[in-house]
Amino acid sequence: MKYTSVGIFSNDSELEIIVYLELLCEEIRVAPGLSFELFIEDIPDALPITIIYLADGLQIYPHRNTPEWLIEFNGKTIKPGYPTVLAEHQ
């Protein structure tokens, strides 16, 4: 499978944030000071993504279809689940 980077997401706040990846309900818990790169499966109609800002984080939707997501954190490629706690991968 091929994947396309959709951006680098950083938590510059003092509280943990949650990044929800839809439509498969994956969740990434991002502690203060951590960041990751998000990749979307390169399938038809997956892009552009929509990002909704929430009080405790972000909700990210593909345009259409149900692509797989991957994240890169600390040099590791991780398939996100429910939940994925980045601090556990340091």
C-alpha atoms as a PDB file:
ATOM      1  CA  MET A   1       0.000   0.000   0.000  1.00  0.00           C
ATOM      2  CA  LYS A   2       1.071   3.564  -0.653  1.00  0.00           C
ATOM      3  CA  TYR A   3       0.527   6.416   1.789  1.00  0.00           C
ATOM      4  CA  THR A   4       0.610  10.204   1.502  1.00  0.00           C
ATOM      5  CA  SER A   5       1.667  12.591   4.270  1.00  0.00           C
ATOM      6  CA  VAL A   6      -1.086  14.978   5.317  1.00  0.00           C
ATOM      7  CA  GLY A   7       0.911  16.916   7.880  1.00  0.00           C
ATOM      8  CA  ILE A   8       2.799  17.087  11.137  1.00  0.00           C
ATOM      9  CA  PHE A   9       0.670  17.541  14.236  1.00  0.00           C
ATOM     10  CA  SER A  10       2.212  18.955  17.424  1.00  0.00           C
ATOM     11  CA  ASN A  11       0.895  19.487  20.913  1.00  0.00           C
ATOM     12  CA  ASP A  12       2.284  22.801  22.110  1.00  0.00           C
ATOM     13  CA  SER A  13      -0.234  23.097  24.935  1.00  0.00           C
ATOM     14  CA  GLU A  14       0.093  22.117  28.592  1.00  0.00           C
ATOM     15  CA  LEU A  15      -2.586  19.395  28.385  1.00  0.00           C
ATOM     16  CA  GLU A  16      -2.878  16.115  26.505  1.00  0.00           C
ATOM     17  CA  ILE A  17      -4.804  16.373  23.247  1.00  0.00           C
ATOM     18  CA  ILE A  18      -6.612  13.642  21.349  1.00  0.00           C
ATOM     19  CA  VAL A  19      -6.534  13.292  17.570  1.00  0.00           C
ATOM     20  CA  TYR A  20      -9.483  11.264  16.309  1.00  0.00           C
ATOM     21  CA  LEU A  21      -9.009   9.593  12.920  1.00  0.00           C
ATOM     22  CA  GLU A  22     -12.258   8.818  11.163  1.00  0.00           C
ATOM     23  CA  LEU A  23     -14.039   6.747   9.921  1.00  0.00           C
ATOM     24  CA  LEU A  24     -12.413   3.844  11.760  1.00  0.00           C
ATOM     25  CA  CYS A  25     -12.522   5.585  15.178  1.00  0.00           C
ATOM     26  CA  GLU A  26      -8.772   5.477  15.770  1.00  0.00           C
ATOM     27  CA  GLU A  27      -7.477   7.741  18.502  1.00  0.00           C
ATOM     28  CA  ILE A  28      -4.029   9.227  19.106  1.00  0.00           C
ATOM     29  CA  ARG A  29      -3.286  10.653  22.556  1.00  0.00           C
ATOM     30  CA  VAL A  30      -0.615  13.320  22.279  1.00  0.00           C
ATOM     31  CA  ALA A  31       1.110  14.472  25.477  1.00  0.00           C
ATOM     32  CA  PRO A  32       2.421  18.042  25.733  1.00  0.00           C
ATOM     33  CA  GLY A  33       5.581  18.589  23.700  1.00  0.00           C
ATOM     34  CA  LEU A  34       5.061  15.588  21.384  1.00  0.00           C
ATOM     35  CA  SER A  35       4.395  15.598  17.649  1.00  0.00           C
ATOM     36  CA  PHE A  36       3.833  13.058  14.884  1.00  0.00           C
ATOM     37  CA  GLU A  37       3.459  12.904  11.121  1.00  0.00           C
ATOM     38  CA  LEU A  38       0.148  11.602   9.812  1.00  0.00           C
ATOM     39  CA  PHE A  39      -0.180   9.550   6.621  1.00  0.00           C
ATOM     40  CA  ILE A  40      -3.328   8.561   4.729  1.00  0.00           C
ATOM     41  CA  GLU A  41      -3.665   5.559   2.443  1.00  0.00           C
ATOM     42  CA  ASP A  42      -3.316   6.632  -1.170  1.00  0.00           C
ATOM     43  CA  ILE A  43      -6.730   5.555  -2.466  1.00  0.00           C
ATOM     44  CA  PRO A  44      -9.216   7.385  -4.716  1.00  0.00           C
ATOM     45  CA  ASP A  45     -11.168  10.230  -3.109  1.00  0.00           C
ATOM     46  CA  ALA A  46      -9.383  10.074   0.257  1.00  0.00           C
ATOM     47  CA  LEU A  47      -8.056  13.626  -0.103  1.00  0.00           C
ATOM     48  CA  PRO A  48      -8.558  16.390   0.798  1.00  0.00           C
ATOM     49  CA  ILE A  49      -8.974  15.783   4.515  1.00  0.00           C
ATOM     50  CA  THR A  50     -11.207  17.810   6.822  1.00  0.00           C
ATOM     51  CA  ILE A  51      -9.942  18.854  10.245  1.00  0.00           C
ATOM     52  CA  ILE A  52     -12.420  19.810  12.946  1.00  0.00           C
ATOM     53  CA  TYR A  53     -11.014  21.586  15.985  1.00  0.00           C
ATOM     54  CA  LEU A  54     -12.363  20.377  19.339  1.00  0.00           C
ATOM     55  CA  ALA A  55     -11.826  21.609  22.887  1.00  0.00           C
ATOM     56  CA  ASP A  56      -9.572  18.619  23.623  1.00  0.00           C
ATOM     57  CA  GLY A  57      -7.980  18.027  20.205  1.00  0.00           C
ATOM     58  CA  LEU A  58      -8.781  17.367  16.550  1.00  0.00           C
ATOM     59  CA  GLN A  59     -11.112  15.191  14.519  1.00  0.00           C
ATOM     60  CA  ILE A  60      -9.775  14.294  11.055  1.00  0.00           C
ATOM     61  CA  TYR A  61     -11.957  12.961   8.233  1.00  0.00           C
ATOM     62  CA  PRO A  62     -11.049  11.745   4.758  1.00  0.00           C
ATOM     63  CA  HIS A  63     -12.930  13.340   1.858  1.00  0.00           C
ATOM     64  CA  ARG A  64     -14.628  10.077   0.843  1.00  0.00           C
ATOM     65  CA  ASN A  65     -13.955   6.376   1.223  1.00  0.00           C
ATOM     66  CA  THR A  66     -12.417   4.710   4.294  1.00  0.00           C
ATOM     67  CA  PRO A  67      -8.625   4.837   4.043  1.00  0.00           C
ATOM     68  CA  GLU A  68      -6.141   3.399   6.495  1.00  0.00           C
ATOM     69  CA  TRP A  69      -4.032   5.795   8.527  1.00  0.00           C
ATOM     70  CA  LEU A  70      -0.408   5.524   9.672  1.00  0.00           C
ATOM     71  CA  ILE A  71       1.645   7.744  11.932  1.00  0.00           C
ATOM     72  CA  GLU A  72       5.374   8.237  12.201  1.00  0.00           C
ATOM     73  CA  PHE A  73       6.689   8.994  15.671  1.00  0.00           C
ATOM     74  CA  ASN A  74      10.276   8.855  16.930  1.00  0.00           C
ATOM     75  CA  GLY A  75      11.384   7.105  13.742  1.00  0.00           C
ATOM     76  CA  LYS A  76       8.721   4.390  14.088  1.00  0.00           C
ATOM     77  CA  THR A  77       5.801   3.751  11.754  1.00  0.00           C
ATOM     78  CA  ILE A  78       2.712   2.944  13.823  1.00  0.00           C
ATOM     79  CA  LYS A  79      -0.753   1.764  12.779  1.00  0.00           C
ATOM     80  CA  PRO A  80      -3.044   3.752  15.098  1.00  0.00           C
ATOM     81  CA  GLY A  81      -5.678   1.986  17.156  1.00  0.00           C
ATOM     82  CA  TYR A  82      -8.042   2.805  19.977  1.00  0.00           C
ATOM     83  CA  PRO A  83      -6.236   4.330  21.750  1.00  0.00           C
ATOM     84  CA  THR A  84      -2.671   4.935  20.604  1.00  0.00           C
ATOM     85  CA  VAL A  85      -0.732   6.691  23.362  1.00  0.00           C
ATOM     86  CA  LEU A  86       2.357   8.329  21.861  1.00  0.00           C
ATOM     87  CA  ALA A  87       4.182   8.491  25.200  1.00  0.00           C
ATOM     88  CA  GLU A  88       4.201   4.665  25.240  1.00  0.00           C
ATOM     89  CA  HIS A  89       6.270   4.686  22.006  1.00  0.00           C
ATOM     90  CA  GLN A  90       9.106   6.920  23.221  1.00  0.00           C
END
